[in-house]
């Protein structure tokens, strides 16, 4: 295996105030989607759709764990965790999180993300596209609970729904 050059570190996000004194931390959603969907297109051409989805899920999972570790205050209380996560996801412009079902004992959750950064406003495509979000949610949940989860999108803007719905099940 070759030496890794871009091993993720929160430091790679840089000092936004120093580097963007005029533009600041904000950018348009189109720019994020331009990067995401061009990456996806090129990766699918080289690797196929299945492997690309696996990479996006794993990248989302890493991002979710890093987001949790660097942005969400430490707590053992589930309600405090959810409140903090909702606030940070809204603050960062990622989406509006709602918990529909939560069963900590069984390790199952159903949650929605409205105004989702990845897909809200896209045309209907007939399939779910929020693979990165699946991984992101899995990473956040694993970081909070210490348990691993499989997260799947069941409803998506691109399938005609107006919110993205995810089910999370603990991997036993």
N, C-alpha and C. Protein backbone atom coordinates (compact mmCIF):
# COMPACT_ATOMS: atom_id res chain seq x y z
N UNK A 1 0.85 -1.19 0.00
CA UNK A 1 0.00 0.00 0.00
C UNK A 1 0.89 1.24 0.00
N UNK A 2 0.51 2.23 -0.77
CA UNK A 2 1.29 3.45 -0.84
C UNK A 2 1.00 4.33 0.37
N UNK A 3 1.92 5.23 0.62
CA UNK A 3 1.76 6.16 1.74
C UNK A 3 0.56 7.05 1.51
N UNK A 4 -0.22 7.25 2.56
CA UNK A 4 -1.40 8.12 2.46
C UNK A 4 -0.97 9.57 2.58
N UNK A 5 -1.53 10.39 1.73
CA UNK A 5 -1.23 11.82 1.74
C UNK A 5 -2.33 12.60 2.45
N UNK A 6 -3.57 12.17 2.27
CA UNK A 6 -4.71 12.94 2.77
C UNK A 6 -5.46 12.26 3.90
N UNK A 7 -4.78 11.57 4.79
CA UNK A 7 -5.46 10.98 5.95
C UNK A 7 -6.22 12.10 6.66
N UNK A 8 -7.49 11.86 6.91
CA UNK A 8 -8.32 12.94 7.43
C UNK A 8 -7.90 13.37 8.83
N UNK A 9 -7.92 14.66 9.02
CA UNK A 9 -7.73 15.30 10.31
C UNK A 9 -8.61 16.54 10.30
N UNK A 10 -9.21 16.87 11.43
CA UNK A 10 -10.05 18.06 11.53
C UNK A 10 -9.25 19.31 11.14
N UNK A 11 -7.95 19.26 11.31
CA UNK A 11 -7.08 20.38 10.93
C UNK A 11 -7.15 20.68 9.44
N UNK A 12 -7.49 19.68 8.62
CA UNK A 12 -7.60 19.91 7.18
C UNK A 12 -8.72 20.88 6.82
N UNK A 13 -9.62 21.15 7.76
CA UNK A 13 -10.67 22.14 7.51
C UNK A 13 -10.11 23.55 7.54
N UNK A 14 -8.96 23.71 8.19
CA UNK A 14 -8.25 24.98 8.18
C UNK A 14 -8.84 26.05 9.07
N UNK A 15 -8.22 27.20 9.01
CA UNK A 15 -8.66 28.40 9.73
C UNK A 15 -9.48 29.24 8.75
N UNK A 16 -10.77 29.05 8.77
CA UNK A 16 -11.66 29.71 7.81
C UNK A 16 -11.60 31.23 7.95
N UNK A 17 -11.57 31.73 9.18
CA UNK A 17 -11.53 33.18 9.39
C UNK A 17 -10.26 33.78 8.77
N UNK A 18 -9.16 33.08 8.90
CA UNK A 18 -7.90 33.57 8.33
C UNK A 18 -7.89 33.46 6.81
N UNK A 19 -8.34 32.33 6.30
CA UNK A 19 -8.25 32.07 4.87
C UNK A 19 -9.34 32.69 4.03
N UNK A 20 -10.48 33.00 4.65
CA UNK A 20 -11.61 33.58 3.90
C UNK A 20 -12.16 34.79 4.65
N UNK A 21 -11.33 35.84 4.82
CA UNK A 21 -11.77 36.98 5.60
C UNK A 21 -12.94 37.73 4.98
N UNK A 22 -13.13 37.64 3.69
CA UNK A 22 -14.23 38.33 3.04
C UNK A 22 -15.43 37.43 2.78
N UNK A 23 -15.18 36.19 2.39
CA UNK A 23 -16.26 35.27 2.03
C UNK A 23 -16.79 34.49 3.22
N UNK A 24 -15.97 34.27 4.24
CA UNK A 24 -16.41 33.57 5.44
C UNK A 24 -16.67 32.09 5.19
N UNK A 25 -17.39 31.44 6.12
CA UNK A 25 -17.59 29.99 6.04
C UNK A 25 -18.70 29.55 5.10
N UNK A 26 -19.52 30.47 4.63
CA UNK A 26 -20.67 30.09 3.82
C UNK A 26 -20.33 29.87 2.36
N UNK A 27 -21.10 28.98 1.73
CA UNK A 27 -21.02 28.78 0.29
C UNK A 27 -22.37 28.29 -0.18
N UNK A 28 -22.59 28.36 -1.45
CA UNK A 28 -23.88 27.94 -2.00
C UNK A 28 -23.97 26.42 -2.09
N UNK A 29 -25.18 25.91 -1.92
CA UNK A 29 -25.43 24.48 -1.98
C UNK A 29 -25.01 23.92 -3.34
N UNK A 30 -25.21 24.68 -4.39
CA UNK A 30 -24.84 24.21 -5.73
C UNK A 30 -23.36 23.82 -5.80
N UNK A 31 -22.51 24.55 -5.11
CA UNK A 31 -21.07 24.26 -5.14
C UNK A 31 -20.79 22.92 -4.45
N UNK A 32 -21.42 22.68 -3.31
CA UNK A 32 -21.28 21.40 -2.61
C UNK A 32 -21.75 20.26 -3.51
N UNK A 33 -22.93 20.43 -4.11
CA UNK A 33 -23.48 19.37 -4.97
C UNK A 33 -22.64 19.18 -6.23
N UNK A 34 -22.10 20.26 -6.77
CA UNK A 34 -21.21 20.16 -7.93
C UNK A 34 -20.03 19.25 -7.60
N UNK A 35 -19.42 19.46 -6.44
CA UNK A 35 -18.30 18.63 -6.04
C UNK A 35 -18.75 17.19 -5.80
N UNK A 36 -19.82 17.01 -5.03
CA UNK A 36 -20.27 15.66 -4.69
C UNK A 36 -20.65 14.85 -5.94
N UNK A 37 -21.43 15.42 -6.81
CA UNK A 37 -21.94 14.64 -7.93
C UNK A 37 -20.92 14.47 -9.05
N UNK A 38 -19.95 15.37 -9.16
CA UNK A 38 -18.87 15.12 -10.12
C UNK A 38 -17.93 14.04 -9.59
N UNK A 39 -17.64 14.06 -8.29
CA UNK A 39 -16.89 12.95 -7.69
C UNK A 39 -17.60 11.63 -7.95
N UNK A 40 -18.90 11.60 -7.66
CA UNK A 40 -19.67 10.37 -7.82
C UNK A 40 -19.64 9.89 -9.27
N UNK A 41 -19.81 10.79 -10.20
CA UNK A 41 -19.82 10.42 -11.61
C UNK A 41 -18.48 9.80 -12.03
N UNK A 42 -17.39 10.46 -11.70
CA UNK A 42 -16.07 9.96 -12.08
C UNK A 42 -15.76 8.64 -11.37
N UNK A 43 -16.12 8.55 -10.09
CA UNK A 43 -15.87 7.30 -9.36
C UNK A 43 -16.68 6.15 -9.95
N UNK A 44 -17.94 6.39 -10.31
CA UNK A 44 -18.76 5.34 -10.91
C UNK A 44 -18.17 4.87 -12.24
N UNK A 45 -17.62 5.80 -13.01
CA UNK A 45 -17.00 5.42 -14.28
C UNK A 45 -15.80 4.50 -14.06
N UNK A 46 -15.05 4.73 -13.00
CA UNK A 46 -13.85 3.95 -12.72
C UNK A 46 -14.11 2.72 -11.86
N UNK A 47 -15.07 2.80 -10.95
CA UNK A 47 -15.25 1.76 -9.94
C UNK A 47 -16.59 1.04 -9.99
N UNK A 48 -17.57 1.62 -10.65
CA UNK A 48 -18.92 1.08 -10.65
C UNK A 48 -19.74 1.70 -9.53
N UNK A 49 -21.06 1.57 -9.66
CA UNK A 49 -21.98 2.22 -8.71
C UNK A 49 -21.90 1.61 -7.32
N UNK A 50 -21.79 0.29 -7.23
CA UNK A 50 -21.79 -0.36 -5.92
C UNK A 50 -20.57 0.04 -5.08
N UNK A 51 -19.41 0.01 -5.67
CA UNK A 51 -18.20 0.38 -4.94
C UNK A 51 -18.21 1.87 -4.60
N UNK A 52 -18.73 2.69 -5.52
CA UNK A 52 -18.83 4.13 -5.25
C UNK A 52 -19.75 4.38 -4.07
N UNK A 53 -20.89 3.70 -4.02
CA UNK A 53 -21.80 3.84 -2.88
C UNK A 53 -21.11 3.44 -1.58
N UNK A 54 -20.35 2.35 -1.62
CA UNK A 54 -19.64 1.89 -0.42
C UNK A 54 -18.64 2.95 0.05
N UNK A 55 -17.94 3.58 -0.88
CA UNK A 55 -16.97 4.62 -0.53
C UNK A 55 -17.68 5.85 0.04
N UNK A 56 -18.78 6.25 -0.58
CA UNK A 56 -19.53 7.40 -0.06
C UNK A 56 -20.06 7.12 1.34
N UNK A 57 -20.55 5.89 1.58
CA UNK A 57 -21.05 5.52 2.90
C UNK A 57 -19.91 5.59 3.92
N UNK A 58 -18.76 5.01 3.59
CA UNK A 58 -17.62 5.02 4.50
C UNK A 58 -17.11 6.44 4.76
N UNK A 59 -17.09 7.27 3.72
CA UNK A 59 -16.68 8.66 3.90
C UNK A 59 -17.67 9.40 4.79
N UNK A 60 -18.95 9.17 4.59
CA UNK A 60 -19.97 9.77 5.44
C UNK A 60 -19.83 9.32 6.88
N UNK A 61 -19.51 8.04 7.07
CA UNK A 61 -19.33 7.51 8.43
C UNK A 61 -18.15 8.18 9.12
N UNK A 62 -17.06 8.34 8.41
CA UNK A 62 -15.90 9.05 8.97
C UNK A 62 -16.27 10.49 9.29
N UNK A 63 -16.98 11.14 8.38
CA UNK A 63 -17.39 12.53 8.60
C UNK A 63 -18.32 12.65 9.81
N UNK A 64 -19.25 11.71 9.95
CA UNK A 64 -20.17 11.72 11.09
C UNK A 64 -19.43 11.58 12.41
N UNK A 65 -18.45 10.67 12.45
CA UNK A 65 -17.65 10.48 13.66
C UNK A 65 -16.83 11.73 13.97
N UNK A 66 -16.24 12.33 12.96
CA UNK A 66 -15.45 13.55 13.16
C UNK A 66 -16.33 14.73 13.57
N UNK A 67 -17.49 14.83 12.95
CA UNK A 67 -18.45 15.89 13.30
C UNK A 67 -18.84 15.75 14.77
N UNK A 68 -19.19 14.52 15.16
CA UNK A 68 -19.54 14.27 16.56
C UNK A 68 -18.40 14.66 17.49
N UNK A 69 -17.20 14.21 17.19
CA UNK A 69 -16.07 14.44 18.07
C UNK A 69 -15.61 15.88 18.16
N UNK A 70 -15.92 16.68 17.15
CA UNK A 70 -15.42 18.05 17.11
C UNK A 70 -16.50 19.11 17.27
N UNK A 71 -17.77 18.73 17.17
CA UNK A 71 -18.84 19.73 17.16
C UNK A 71 -19.91 19.47 18.22
N UNK A 72 -20.14 18.21 18.57
CA UNK A 72 -21.21 17.86 19.51
C UNK A 72 -20.64 17.77 20.92
N UNK A 73 -21.21 18.51 21.87
CA UNK A 73 -20.72 18.43 23.26
C UNK A 73 -20.91 17.03 23.85
N UNK A 74 -19.97 16.62 24.66
CA UNK A 74 -20.02 15.30 25.31
C UNK A 74 -21.21 15.22 26.26
N UNK A 75 -22.00 14.16 26.10
CA UNK A 75 -23.12 13.89 27.01
C UNK A 75 -23.45 12.41 26.94
N UNK A 76 -24.01 11.88 27.98
CA UNK A 76 -24.50 10.50 27.99
C UNK A 76 -26.01 10.46 27.83
N UNK A 77 -26.66 11.63 27.93
CA UNK A 77 -28.11 11.74 27.86
C UNK A 77 -28.56 11.81 26.40
N UNK A 78 -29.42 10.87 26.00
CA UNK A 78 -29.87 10.79 24.61
C UNK A 78 -30.58 12.06 24.16
N UNK A 79 -31.47 12.60 24.99
CA UNK A 79 -32.21 13.81 24.61
C UNK A 79 -31.29 15.01 24.42
N UNK A 80 -30.29 15.14 25.28
CA UNK A 80 -29.31 16.23 25.12
C UNK A 80 -28.50 16.05 23.84
N UNK A 81 -28.12 14.81 23.57
CA UNK A 81 -27.39 14.50 22.34
C UNK A 81 -28.21 14.90 21.11
N UNK A 82 -29.48 14.49 21.08
CA UNK A 82 -30.34 14.80 19.93
C UNK A 82 -30.51 16.30 19.78
N UNK A 83 -30.74 17.00 20.88
CA UNK A 83 -30.91 18.46 20.83
C UNK A 83 -29.66 19.13 20.26
N UNK A 84 -28.50 18.73 20.73
CA UNK A 84 -27.24 19.30 20.23
C UNK A 84 -27.04 18.98 18.76
N UNK A 85 -27.33 17.73 18.38
CA UNK A 85 -27.17 17.33 16.99
C UNK A 85 -28.12 18.12 16.09
N UNK A 86 -29.37 18.28 16.51
CA UNK A 86 -30.32 19.06 15.73
C UNK A 86 -29.82 20.50 15.54
N UNK A 87 -29.36 21.10 16.63
CA UNK A 87 -28.88 22.48 16.57
C UNK A 87 -27.67 22.61 15.63
N UNK A 88 -26.72 21.69 15.73
CA UNK A 88 -25.51 21.79 14.91
C UNK A 88 -25.80 21.52 13.44
N UNK A 89 -26.68 20.54 13.15
CA UNK A 89 -27.01 20.25 11.76
C UNK A 89 -27.70 21.45 11.11
N UNK A 90 -28.55 22.13 11.87
CA UNK A 90 -29.20 23.34 11.36
C UNK A 90 -28.19 24.47 11.21
N UNK A 91 -27.37 24.67 12.23
CA UNK A 91 -26.36 25.73 12.21
C UNK A 91 -25.41 25.59 11.02
N UNK A 92 -25.00 24.35 10.72
CA UNK A 92 -24.08 24.10 9.62
C UNK A 92 -24.78 24.02 8.27
N UNK A 93 -26.10 24.12 8.26
CA UNK A 93 -26.85 24.09 7.00
C UNK A 93 -26.94 22.71 6.38
N UNK A 94 -26.79 21.66 7.18
CA UNK A 94 -26.82 20.29 6.67
C UNK A 94 -28.24 19.81 6.49
N UNK A 95 -29.13 20.14 7.42
CA UNK A 95 -30.52 19.73 7.33
C UNK A 95 -31.22 19.87 8.66
N UNK A 96 -32.51 19.61 8.64
CA UNK A 96 -33.36 19.71 9.83
C UNK A 96 -33.70 18.29 10.28
N UNK A 97 -33.13 17.90 11.41
CA UNK A 97 -33.27 16.54 11.93
C UNK A 97 -34.48 16.40 12.84
N UNK A 98 -35.23 15.31 12.63
CA UNK A 98 -36.32 14.93 13.52
C UNK A 98 -36.19 13.44 13.81
N UNK A 99 -36.39 13.07 15.06
CA UNK A 99 -36.38 11.67 15.45
C UNK A 99 -37.83 11.20 15.49
N UNK A 100 -38.17 10.21 14.68
CA UNK A 100 -39.53 9.67 14.66
C UNK A 100 -39.68 8.52 15.64
N UNK A 101 -38.67 7.68 15.72
CA UNK A 101 -38.68 6.55 16.66
C UNK A 101 -37.26 6.35 17.18
N UNK A 102 -37.17 6.03 18.46
CA UNK A 102 -35.87 5.75 19.05
C UNK A 102 -36.04 4.66 20.10
N UNK A 103 -35.35 3.57 19.91
CA UNK A 103 -35.38 2.49 20.88
C UNK A 103 -33.93 2.12 21.18
N UNK A 104 -33.39 2.73 22.23
CA UNK A 104 -31.99 2.51 22.60
C UNK A 104 -31.73 1.05 22.97
N UNK A 105 -32.69 0.41 23.65
CA UNK A 105 -32.49 -0.97 24.09
C UNK A 105 -32.34 -1.91 22.89
N UNK A 106 -33.20 -1.73 21.88
CA UNK A 106 -33.16 -2.59 20.69
C UNK A 106 -32.18 -2.07 19.64
N UNK A 107 -31.68 -0.87 19.83
CA UNK A 107 -30.75 -0.30 18.87
C UNK A 107 -31.37 0.00 17.52
N UNK A 108 -32.61 0.55 17.55
CA UNK A 108 -33.28 0.91 16.30
C UNK A 108 -33.76 2.36 16.36
N UNK A 109 -33.65 3.03 15.23
CA UNK A 109 -34.05 4.42 15.12
C UNK A 109 -34.67 4.67 13.75
N UNK A 110 -35.62 5.58 13.71
CA UNK A 110 -36.14 6.12 12.46
C UNK A 110 -36.03 7.63 12.59
N UNK A 111 -35.39 8.25 11.63
CA UNK A 111 -35.23 9.70 11.70
C UNK A 111 -35.38 10.30 10.32
N UNK A 112 -35.69 11.58 10.30
CA UNK A 112 -35.82 12.30 9.03
C UNK A 112 -34.87 13.48 9.02
N UNK A 113 -34.46 13.84 7.81
CA UNK A 113 -33.68 15.05 7.60
C UNK A 113 -34.37 15.81 6.48
N UNK A 114 -34.96 16.94 6.82
CA UNK A 114 -35.60 17.81 5.84
C UNK A 114 -34.61 18.87 5.38
N UNK A 115 -34.87 19.44 4.22
CA UNK A 115 -33.98 20.43 3.62
C UNK A 115 -32.56 19.89 3.54
N UNK A 116 -32.47 18.61 3.23
CA UNK A 116 -31.21 17.89 3.18
C UNK A 116 -30.23 18.51 2.18
N UNK A 117 -29.01 18.67 2.60
CA UNK A 117 -27.97 19.28 1.77
C UNK A 117 -27.75 18.51 0.47
N UNK A 118 -27.89 17.19 0.52
CA UNK A 118 -27.58 16.37 -0.66
C UNK A 118 -28.66 16.36 -1.72
N UNK A 119 -29.95 16.42 -1.33
CA UNK A 119 -30.95 16.14 -2.37
C UNK A 119 -32.17 17.04 -2.41
N UNK A 120 -32.47 17.79 -1.38
CA UNK A 120 -33.70 18.59 -1.38
C UNK A 120 -33.71 19.54 -2.57
N UNK A 121 -34.78 19.44 -3.36
CA UNK A 121 -34.93 20.28 -4.54
C UNK A 121 -34.47 19.63 -5.83
N UNK A 122 -33.88 18.44 -5.76
CA UNK A 122 -33.46 17.74 -6.98
C UNK A 122 -34.68 17.15 -7.68
N UNK A 123 -34.54 16.82 -8.96
CA UNK A 123 -35.66 16.17 -9.65
C UNK A 123 -35.89 14.75 -9.14
N UNK A 124 -37.08 14.23 -9.37
CA UNK A 124 -37.35 12.84 -9.02
C UNK A 124 -36.56 11.94 -9.94
N UNK A 125 -35.80 11.03 -9.34
CA UNK A 125 -34.94 10.13 -10.10
C UNK A 125 -35.41 8.68 -10.01
N UNK A 126 -36.28 8.39 -9.03
CA UNK A 126 -36.77 7.03 -8.86
C UNK A 126 -35.90 6.17 -7.96
N UNK A 127 -34.90 6.77 -7.34
CA UNK A 127 -34.05 6.02 -6.41
C UNK A 127 -33.49 6.98 -5.37
N UNK A 128 -33.13 6.42 -4.20
CA UNK A 128 -32.55 7.21 -3.12
C UNK A 128 -31.09 7.54 -3.47
N UNK A 129 -30.63 8.72 -3.05
CA UNK A 129 -29.25 9.09 -3.38
C UNK A 129 -28.40 9.47 -2.17
N UNK A 130 -28.95 9.44 -0.98
CA UNK A 130 -28.25 9.99 0.18
C UNK A 130 -27.36 8.97 0.89
N UNK A 131 -26.53 8.30 0.12
CA UNK A 131 -25.62 7.28 0.66
C UNK A 131 -24.63 7.89 1.65
N UNK A 132 -24.11 9.06 1.32
CA UNK A 132 -23.18 9.76 2.22
C UNK A 132 -23.86 10.05 3.55
N UNK A 133 -25.12 10.48 3.49
CA UNK A 133 -25.89 10.78 4.71
C UNK A 133 -26.09 9.52 5.55
N UNK A 134 -26.33 8.38 4.88
CA UNK A 134 -26.47 7.12 5.62
C UNK A 134 -25.23 6.88 6.47
N UNK A 135 -24.08 7.02 5.85
CA UNK A 135 -22.83 6.82 6.58
C UNK A 135 -22.63 7.86 7.67
N UNK A 136 -22.98 9.12 7.38
CA UNK A 136 -22.84 10.20 8.35
C UNK A 136 -23.65 9.89 9.61
N UNK A 137 -24.89 9.46 9.42
CA UNK A 137 -25.75 9.12 10.56
C UNK A 137 -25.18 7.93 11.32
N UNK A 138 -24.70 6.92 10.59
CA UNK A 138 -24.08 5.75 11.24
C UNK A 138 -22.89 6.18 12.09
N UNK A 139 -22.06 7.09 11.57
CA UNK A 139 -20.89 7.56 12.31
C UNK A 139 -21.25 8.33 13.55
N UNK A 140 -22.26 9.18 13.46
CA UNK A 140 -22.71 9.96 14.61
C UNK A 140 -23.29 9.03 15.68
N UNK A 141 -24.16 8.11 15.27
CA UNK A 141 -24.77 7.19 16.23
C UNK A 141 -23.74 6.30 16.90
N UNK A 142 -22.78 5.79 16.13
CA UNK A 142 -21.74 4.95 16.71
C UNK A 142 -20.90 5.74 17.71
N UNK A 143 -20.61 6.98 17.37
CA UNK A 143 -19.80 7.81 18.27
C UNK A 143 -20.52 8.07 19.59
N UNK A 144 -21.83 8.28 19.53
CA UNK A 144 -22.59 8.54 20.75
C UNK A 144 -22.78 7.26 21.58
N UNK A 145 -23.15 6.16 20.91
CA UNK A 145 -23.53 4.95 21.64
C UNK A 145 -22.38 3.98 21.89
N UNK A 146 -21.33 4.07 21.06
CA UNK A 146 -20.26 3.08 21.13
C UNK A 146 -20.62 1.78 20.43
N UNK A 147 -21.77 1.77 19.74
CA UNK A 147 -22.23 0.57 19.02
C UNK A 147 -22.30 0.89 17.53
N UNK A 148 -22.11 -0.13 16.71
CA UNK A 148 -22.11 0.06 15.26
C UNK A 148 -23.53 -0.09 14.70
N UNK A 149 -23.86 0.75 13.71
CA UNK A 149 -25.19 0.75 13.11
C UNK A 149 -25.12 0.61 11.60
N UNK A 150 -26.15 -0.02 11.06
CA UNK A 150 -26.37 -0.03 9.63
C UNK A 150 -27.51 0.96 9.37
N UNK A 151 -27.27 1.95 8.55
CA UNK A 151 -28.27 2.99 8.27
C UNK A 151 -28.64 2.92 6.80
N UNK A 152 -29.94 2.94 6.53
CA UNK A 152 -30.44 2.92 5.16
C UNK A 152 -31.51 3.98 4.99
N UNK A 153 -31.46 4.64 3.85
CA UNK A 153 -32.48 5.62 3.49
C UNK A 153 -33.69 4.87 2.93
N UNK A 154 -34.86 5.21 3.44
CA UNK A 154 -36.09 4.56 2.97
C UNK A 154 -36.98 5.51 2.17
N UNK A 155 -36.86 6.80 2.40
CA UNK A 155 -37.59 7.82 1.64
C UNK A 155 -36.60 8.91 1.28
N UNK A 156 -36.76 9.48 0.09
CA UNK A 156 -35.82 10.51 -0.39
C UNK A 156 -36.58 11.51 -1.27
N UNK A 157 -36.09 12.73 -1.29
CA UNK A 157 -36.65 13.74 -2.18
C UNK A 157 -36.67 13.19 -3.61
N UNK A 158 -35.64 12.46 -3.98
CA UNK A 158 -35.50 11.95 -5.35
C UNK A 158 -36.42 10.79 -5.68
N UNK A 159 -37.16 10.29 -4.67
CA UNK A 159 -38.18 9.27 -4.93
C UNK A 159 -39.58 9.86 -4.77
N UNK A 160 -39.66 11.18 -4.66
CA UNK A 160 -40.95 11.84 -4.57
C UNK A 160 -41.36 12.27 -3.18
N UNK A 161 -40.57 11.91 -2.19
CA UNK A 161 -40.87 12.34 -0.82
C UNK A 161 -40.29 13.74 -0.62
N UNK A 162 -40.74 14.44 0.39
CA UNK A 162 -40.24 15.78 0.62
C UNK A 162 -39.41 15.89 1.88
N UNK A 163 -39.01 14.72 2.38
CA UNK A 163 -38.04 14.64 3.46
C UNK A 163 -37.30 13.32 3.27
N UNK A 164 -36.09 13.25 3.75
CA UNK A 164 -35.33 12.00 3.70
C UNK A 164 -35.55 11.26 5.02
N UNK A 165 -35.89 10.00 4.92
CA UNK A 165 -36.15 9.17 6.10
C UNK A 165 -35.12 8.05 6.13
N UNK A 166 -34.58 7.82 7.30
CA UNK A 166 -33.54 6.81 7.48
C UNK A 166 -33.91 5.87 8.60
N UNK A 167 -33.60 4.59 8.42
CA UNK A 167 -33.72 3.62 9.51
C UNK A 167 -32.30 3.23 9.92
N UNK A 168 -32.10 3.14 11.21
CA UNK A 168 -30.80 2.73 11.74
C UNK A 168 -31.03 1.52 12.63
N UNK A 169 -30.23 0.48 12.38
CA UNK A 169 -30.33 -0.75 13.17
C UNK A 169 -28.94 -1.13 13.65
N UNK A 170 -28.85 -1.40 14.94
CA UNK A 170 -27.58 -1.81 15.50
C UNK A 170 -27.12 -3.11 14.87
N UNK A 171 -25.84 -3.17 14.54
CA UNK A 171 -25.25 -4.40 14.00
C UNK A 171 -24.81 -5.23 15.20
N UNK A 172 -25.37 -6.42 15.30
CA UNK A 172 -25.08 -7.28 16.45
C UNK A 172 -24.16 -8.40 16.04
